[in-house]
Amino acid sequence: MEEPVNPLEMILNSGATFLARSYALDIGKTKDLIKAAVKHKGFSLLEIIQPCITFNDTRDYYKYKIYWLDEKYRRDDFETACRKLRETGKFPLGVFYEINKPVFEELI
């Protein structure tokens, strides 16, 4: 058996400067994270977990499997972001990593 790929960790290692995850049924926080990802200058990615409510209603499953990162979480620490992305058992939500770096048009 092969180890599963962690797409968010792969994106972080590819140079993303904004990386976050949200839950579709938390509309307010999802809206705020979409705005933050769009406004961020640089490589941004927002993963949105969306339960299937038509064929296999997974809302109750996610109710116990997700949690939001608190205000004390350091968004600018690469190693902390990697550890959070590797968590198993529960899915952390929020901004994992956010730094400011010069973008292409600023470098030329």
N, C-alpha and C. Protein backbone atom coordinates (compact mmCIF):
# COMPACT_ATOMS: atom_id res chain seq x y z
N MET A 1 0.84 -1.18 0.00
CA MET A 1 0.00 0.00 0.00
C MET A 1 0.88 1.24 0.00
N GLU A 2 0.44 2.22 -0.73
CA GLU A 2 1.15 3.49 -0.75
C GLU A 2 0.58 4.45 0.27
N GLU A 3 1.42 5.35 0.74
CA GLU A 3 0.98 6.39 1.66
C GLU A 3 0.10 7.37 0.89
N PRO A 4 -0.98 7.84 1.50
CA PRO A 4 -1.81 8.83 0.80
C PRO A 4 -1.08 10.16 0.67
N VAL A 5 -1.40 10.89 -0.38
CA VAL A 5 -0.81 12.21 -0.61
C VAL A 5 -1.61 13.24 0.18
N ASN A 6 -0.92 14.16 0.81
CA ASN A 6 -1.56 15.26 1.52
C ASN A 6 -1.49 16.48 0.59
N PRO A 7 -2.56 16.79 -0.14
CA PRO A 7 -2.48 17.86 -1.14
C PRO A 7 -2.17 19.24 -0.55
N LEU A 8 -2.66 19.55 0.64
CA LEU A 8 -2.36 20.85 1.22
C LEU A 8 -0.89 20.98 1.59
N GLU A 9 -0.31 19.91 2.11
CA GLU A 9 1.11 19.95 2.43
C GLU A 9 1.95 20.07 1.16
N MET A 10 1.51 19.42 0.10
CA MET A 10 2.21 19.50 -1.17
C MET A 10 2.17 20.93 -1.72
N ILE A 11 1.02 21.58 -1.61
CA ILE A 11 0.88 22.97 -2.06
C ILE A 11 1.74 23.90 -1.20
N LEU A 12 1.76 23.68 0.10
CA LEU A 12 2.59 24.49 0.99
C LEU A 12 4.06 24.36 0.60
N ASN A 13 4.51 23.14 0.34
CA ASN A 13 5.89 22.92 -0.06
C ASN A 13 6.19 23.44 -1.46
N SER A 14 5.15 23.74 -2.24
CA SER A 14 5.34 24.30 -3.57
C SER A 14 5.46 25.82 -3.55
N GLY A 15 5.34 26.42 -2.38
CA GLY A 15 5.57 27.85 -2.28
C GLY A 15 4.35 28.71 -2.01
N ALA A 16 3.23 28.11 -1.65
CA ALA A 16 2.04 28.91 -1.34
C ALA A 16 2.34 29.84 -0.17
N THR A 17 1.84 31.07 -0.26
CA THR A 17 2.03 32.02 0.83
C THR A 17 0.74 32.26 1.61
N PHE A 18 -0.35 31.64 1.18
CA PHE A 18 -1.61 31.66 1.91
C PHE A 18 -2.26 30.30 1.73
N LEU A 19 -2.50 29.60 2.83
CA LEU A 19 -3.08 28.27 2.77
C LEU A 19 -4.12 28.14 3.87
N ALA A 20 -5.34 27.76 3.48
CA ALA A 20 -6.42 27.69 4.46
C ALA A 20 -7.39 26.56 4.10
N ARG A 21 -8.21 26.20 5.10
CA ARG A 21 -9.26 25.19 4.89
C ARG A 21 -10.51 25.69 5.60
N SER A 22 -11.67 25.47 4.96
CA SER A 22 -12.93 25.87 5.55
C SER A 22 -13.95 24.74 5.41
N TYR A 23 -15.12 24.98 5.99
CA TYR A 23 -16.21 24.01 5.95
C TYR A 23 -17.41 24.70 5.31
N ALA A 24 -17.92 24.14 4.24
CA ALA A 24 -18.95 24.78 3.43
C ALA A 24 -20.20 25.17 4.22
N LEU A 25 -20.55 24.41 5.24
CA LEU A 25 -21.78 24.72 5.97
C LEU A 25 -21.59 25.82 7.01
N ASP A 26 -20.36 26.27 7.21
CA ASP A 26 -20.11 27.45 8.03
C ASP A 26 -19.94 28.62 7.05
N ILE A 27 -21.06 29.12 6.58
CA ILE A 27 -21.07 30.07 5.47
C ILE A 27 -20.32 31.36 5.81
N GLY A 28 -20.50 31.89 6.99
CA GLY A 28 -19.84 33.14 7.36
C GLY A 28 -18.32 33.04 7.33
N LYS A 29 -17.78 32.01 7.97
CA LYS A 29 -16.32 31.85 8.00
C LYS A 29 -15.78 31.49 6.62
N THR A 30 -16.54 30.70 5.86
CA THR A 30 -16.10 30.36 4.50
C THR A 30 -16.04 31.61 3.64
N LYS A 31 -17.04 32.46 3.75
CA LYS A 31 -17.06 33.72 2.99
C LYS A 31 -15.85 34.58 3.35
N ASP A 32 -15.55 34.69 4.65
CA ASP A 32 -14.40 35.48 5.09
C ASP A 32 -13.08 34.91 4.56
N LEU A 33 -12.95 33.58 4.56
CA LEU A 33 -11.72 32.96 4.06
C LEU A 33 -11.58 33.11 2.54
N ILE A 34 -12.69 33.06 1.81
CA ILE A 34 -12.63 33.29 0.36
C ILE A 34 -12.13 34.71 0.09
N LYS A 35 -12.67 35.68 0.81
CA LYS A 35 -12.22 37.07 0.65
C LYS A 35 -10.74 37.21 0.97
N ALA A 36 -10.30 36.60 2.07
CA ALA A 36 -8.89 36.70 2.47
C ALA A 36 -7.98 36.07 1.42
N ALA A 37 -8.38 34.92 0.87
CA ALA A 37 -7.56 34.25 -0.15
C ALA A 37 -7.47 35.08 -1.42
N VAL A 38 -8.57 35.69 -1.82
CA VAL A 38 -8.58 36.51 -3.04
C VAL A 38 -7.75 37.78 -2.84
N LYS A 39 -7.83 38.39 -1.67
CA LYS A 39 -7.09 39.64 -1.41
C LYS A 39 -5.60 39.42 -1.22
N HIS A 40 -5.20 38.22 -0.84
CA HIS A 40 -3.79 37.94 -0.57
C HIS A 40 -2.97 38.04 -1.85
N LYS A 41 -1.86 38.78 -1.79
CA LYS A 41 -0.95 38.86 -2.93
C LYS A 41 -0.03 37.65 -2.89
N GLY A 42 -0.09 36.84 -3.92
CA GLY A 42 0.76 35.66 -3.98
C GLY A 42 -0.05 34.40 -4.22
N PHE A 43 0.58 33.28 -4.02
CA PHE A 43 0.03 31.95 -4.28
C PHE A 43 -0.90 31.58 -3.12
N SER A 44 -2.21 31.61 -3.37
CA SER A 44 -3.21 31.31 -2.34
C SER A 44 -3.97 30.05 -2.69
N LEU A 45 -4.30 29.27 -1.66
CA LEU A 45 -5.16 28.11 -1.85
C LEU A 45 -6.08 27.99 -0.65
N LEU A 46 -7.36 27.81 -0.94
CA LEU A 46 -8.36 27.57 0.09
C LEU A 46 -9.07 26.27 -0.23
N GLU A 47 -8.94 25.29 0.65
CA GLU A 47 -9.66 24.03 0.51
C GLU A 47 -10.98 24.19 1.27
N ILE A 48 -12.08 23.80 0.63
CA ILE A 48 -13.38 23.87 1.28
C ILE A 48 -13.94 22.46 1.38
N ILE A 49 -14.10 21.99 2.62
CA ILE A 49 -14.69 20.67 2.84
C ILE A 49 -16.19 20.81 2.67
N GLN A 50 -16.74 19.98 1.82
CA GLN A 50 -18.17 20.07 1.53
C GLN A 50 -18.81 18.69 1.71
N PRO A 51 -19.67 18.55 2.72
CA PRO A 51 -20.31 17.25 2.92
C PRO A 51 -21.34 16.97 1.82
N CYS A 52 -21.50 15.71 1.51
CA CYS A 52 -22.55 15.30 0.58
C CYS A 52 -23.83 15.14 1.39
N ILE A 53 -24.86 15.87 1.02
CA ILE A 53 -26.13 15.73 1.75
C ILE A 53 -27.19 15.04 0.91
N THR A 54 -26.82 14.62 -0.30
CA THR A 54 -27.79 13.98 -1.18
C THR A 54 -27.75 12.46 -1.07
N PHE A 55 -26.58 11.86 -1.28
CA PHE A 55 -26.49 10.40 -1.33
C PHE A 55 -26.03 9.76 -0.02
N ASN A 56 -25.18 10.47 0.71
CA ASN A 56 -24.66 9.94 1.96
C ASN A 56 -24.45 11.13 2.89
N ASP A 57 -25.44 11.50 3.63
CA ASP A 57 -25.40 12.70 4.45
C ASP A 57 -24.29 12.60 5.51
N THR A 58 -23.23 13.37 5.31
CA THR A 58 -22.07 13.31 6.20
C THR A 58 -21.98 14.51 7.15
N ARG A 59 -23.05 15.28 7.28
CA ARG A 59 -23.01 16.45 8.17
C ARG A 59 -22.71 16.06 9.61
N ASP A 60 -23.33 15.00 10.12
CA ASP A 60 -23.06 14.58 11.50
C ASP A 60 -21.61 14.13 11.68
N TYR A 61 -21.05 13.45 10.69
CA TYR A 61 -19.67 13.02 10.74
C TYR A 61 -18.75 14.22 10.92
N TYR A 62 -18.93 15.25 10.08
CA TYR A 62 -18.06 16.42 10.15
C TYR A 62 -18.29 17.24 11.40
N LYS A 63 -19.48 17.18 11.97
CA LYS A 63 -19.77 17.93 13.19
C LYS A 63 -18.76 17.59 14.29
N TYR A 64 -18.32 16.33 14.33
CA TYR A 64 -17.38 15.86 15.36
C TYR A 64 -15.94 15.77 14.87
N LYS A 65 -15.71 15.97 13.57
CA LYS A 65 -14.37 15.78 13.01
C LYS A 65 -13.65 17.08 12.67
N ILE A 66 -14.30 18.23 12.85
CA ILE A 66 -13.66 19.49 12.49
C ILE A 66 -13.52 20.40 13.71
N TYR A 67 -12.53 21.27 13.67
CA TYR A 67 -12.39 22.32 14.68
C TYR A 67 -11.65 23.50 14.05
N TRP A 68 -11.94 24.68 14.55
CA TRP A 68 -11.32 25.90 14.05
C TRP A 68 -10.07 26.23 14.86
N LEU A 69 -9.03 26.64 14.18
CA LEU A 69 -7.81 27.10 14.84
C LEU A 69 -8.13 28.35 15.64
N ASP A 70 -7.51 28.50 16.80
CA ASP A 70 -7.79 29.68 17.62
C ASP A 70 -6.88 30.84 17.26
N GLU A 71 -7.12 32.00 17.89
CA GLU A 71 -6.38 33.22 17.59
C GLU A 71 -4.90 33.11 17.95
N LYS A 72 -4.54 32.22 18.85
CA LYS A 72 -3.16 32.07 19.29
C LYS A 72 -2.29 31.34 18.26
N TYR A 73 -2.93 30.68 17.30
CA TYR A 73 -2.20 29.91 16.29
C TYR A 73 -1.33 30.85 15.45
N ARG A 74 -0.05 30.49 15.27
CA ARG A 74 0.90 31.31 14.49
C ARG A 74 0.81 30.97 13.01
N ARG A 75 0.30 31.89 12.23
CA ARG A 75 0.12 31.68 10.79
C ARG A 75 1.40 31.83 9.98
N ASP A 76 2.43 32.40 10.57
CA ASP A 76 3.64 32.69 9.81
C ASP A 76 4.74 31.65 10.00
N ASP A 77 4.44 30.56 10.67
CA ASP A 77 5.44 29.53 10.97
C ASP A 77 5.22 28.31 10.07
N PHE A 78 6.15 28.09 9.17
CA PHE A 78 6.06 27.01 8.19
C PHE A 78 5.96 25.65 8.87
N GLU A 79 6.82 25.39 9.86
CA GLU A 79 6.84 24.08 10.53
C GLU A 79 5.54 23.82 11.29
N THR A 80 5.00 24.83 11.93
CA THR A 80 3.72 24.68 12.64
C THR A 80 2.63 24.33 11.64
N ALA A 81 2.62 25.00 10.49
CA ALA A 81 1.63 24.72 9.45
C ALA A 81 1.74 23.26 8.99
N CYS A 82 2.97 22.80 8.78
CA CYS A 82 3.16 21.40 8.35
C CYS A 82 2.61 20.43 9.39
N ARG A 83 2.88 20.69 10.66
CA ARG A 83 2.36 19.81 11.72
C ARG A 83 0.84 19.79 11.74
N LYS A 84 0.21 20.95 11.59
CA LYS A 84 -1.25 21.03 11.59
C LYS A 84 -1.82 20.25 10.40
N LEU A 85 -1.17 20.36 9.26
CA LEU A 85 -1.66 19.67 8.06
C LEU A 85 -1.53 18.16 8.15
N ARG A 86 -0.64 17.68 9.02
CA ARG A 86 -0.43 16.25 9.19
C ARG A 86 -1.32 15.63 10.27
N GLU A 87 -2.10 16.44 10.96
CA GLU A 87 -2.96 15.93 12.02
C GLU A 87 -3.94 14.89 11.49
N THR A 88 -4.17 13.88 12.29
CA THR A 88 -5.15 12.86 11.94
C THR A 88 -6.20 12.81 13.04
N GLY A 89 -7.33 12.28 12.73
CA GLY A 89 -8.40 12.18 13.71
C GLY A 89 -9.40 13.30 13.56
N LYS A 90 -8.93 14.54 13.62
CA LYS A 90 -9.79 15.70 13.43
C LYS A 90 -9.17 16.60 12.37
N PHE A 91 -10.03 17.37 11.70
CA PHE A 91 -9.58 18.26 10.63
C PHE A 91 -9.55 19.70 11.15
N PRO A 92 -8.35 20.30 11.24
CA PRO A 92 -8.31 21.71 11.62
C PRO A 92 -8.79 22.59 10.47
N LEU A 93 -9.46 23.68 10.82
CA LEU A 93 -9.97 24.63 9.84
C LEU A 93 -9.42 26.01 10.15
N GLY A 94 -9.26 26.82 9.14
CA GLY A 94 -8.77 28.19 9.30
C GLY A 94 -7.56 28.41 8.42
N VAL A 95 -6.84 29.48 8.69
CA VAL A 95 -5.63 29.81 7.93
C VAL A 95 -4.45 29.09 8.57
N PHE A 96 -3.83 28.19 7.82
CA PHE A 96 -2.67 27.45 8.30
C PHE A 96 -1.38 28.24 8.15
N TYR A 97 -1.29 28.97 7.04
CA TYR A 97 -0.03 29.63 6.72
C TYR A 97 -0.34 30.90 5.95
N GLU A 98 0.31 31.99 6.35
CA GLU A 98 0.14 33.26 5.65
C GLU A 98 1.37 34.12 5.89
N ILE A 99 2.07 34.40 4.80
CA ILE A 99 3.23 35.29 4.87
C ILE A 99 3.15 36.25 3.68
N ASN A 100 3.86 37.35 3.79
CA ASN A 100 3.95 38.31 2.68
C ASN A 100 5.33 38.21 2.06
N LYS A 101 5.34 37.99 0.76
CA LYS A 101 6.58 37.96 -0.01
C LYS A 101 6.34 38.81 -1.24
N PRO A 102 7.39 39.35 -1.84
CA PRO A 102 7.20 40.10 -3.08
C PRO A 102 6.61 39.20 -4.17
N VAL A 103 5.65 39.73 -4.90
CA VAL A 103 5.04 38.98 -6.00
C VAL A 103 5.76 39.36 -7.30
N PHE A 104 5.46 38.64 -8.38
CA PHE A 104 6.17 38.78 -9.64
C PHE A 104 6.28 40.23 -10.10
N GLU A 105 5.15 40.95 -10.13
CA GLU A 105 5.20 42.32 -10.66
C GLU A 105 6.02 43.25 -9.77
N GLU A 106 6.20 42.92 -8.51
CA GLU A 106 7.04 43.72 -7.64
C GLU A 106 8.53 43.41 -7.85
N LEU A 107 8.82 42.24 -8.36
CA LEU A 107 10.21 41.83 -8.56
C LEU A 107 10.80 42.31 -9.89
N ILE A 108 9.92 42.64 -10.86
CA ILE A 108 10.47 43.05 -12.15
C ILE A 108 10.64 44.55 -12.25
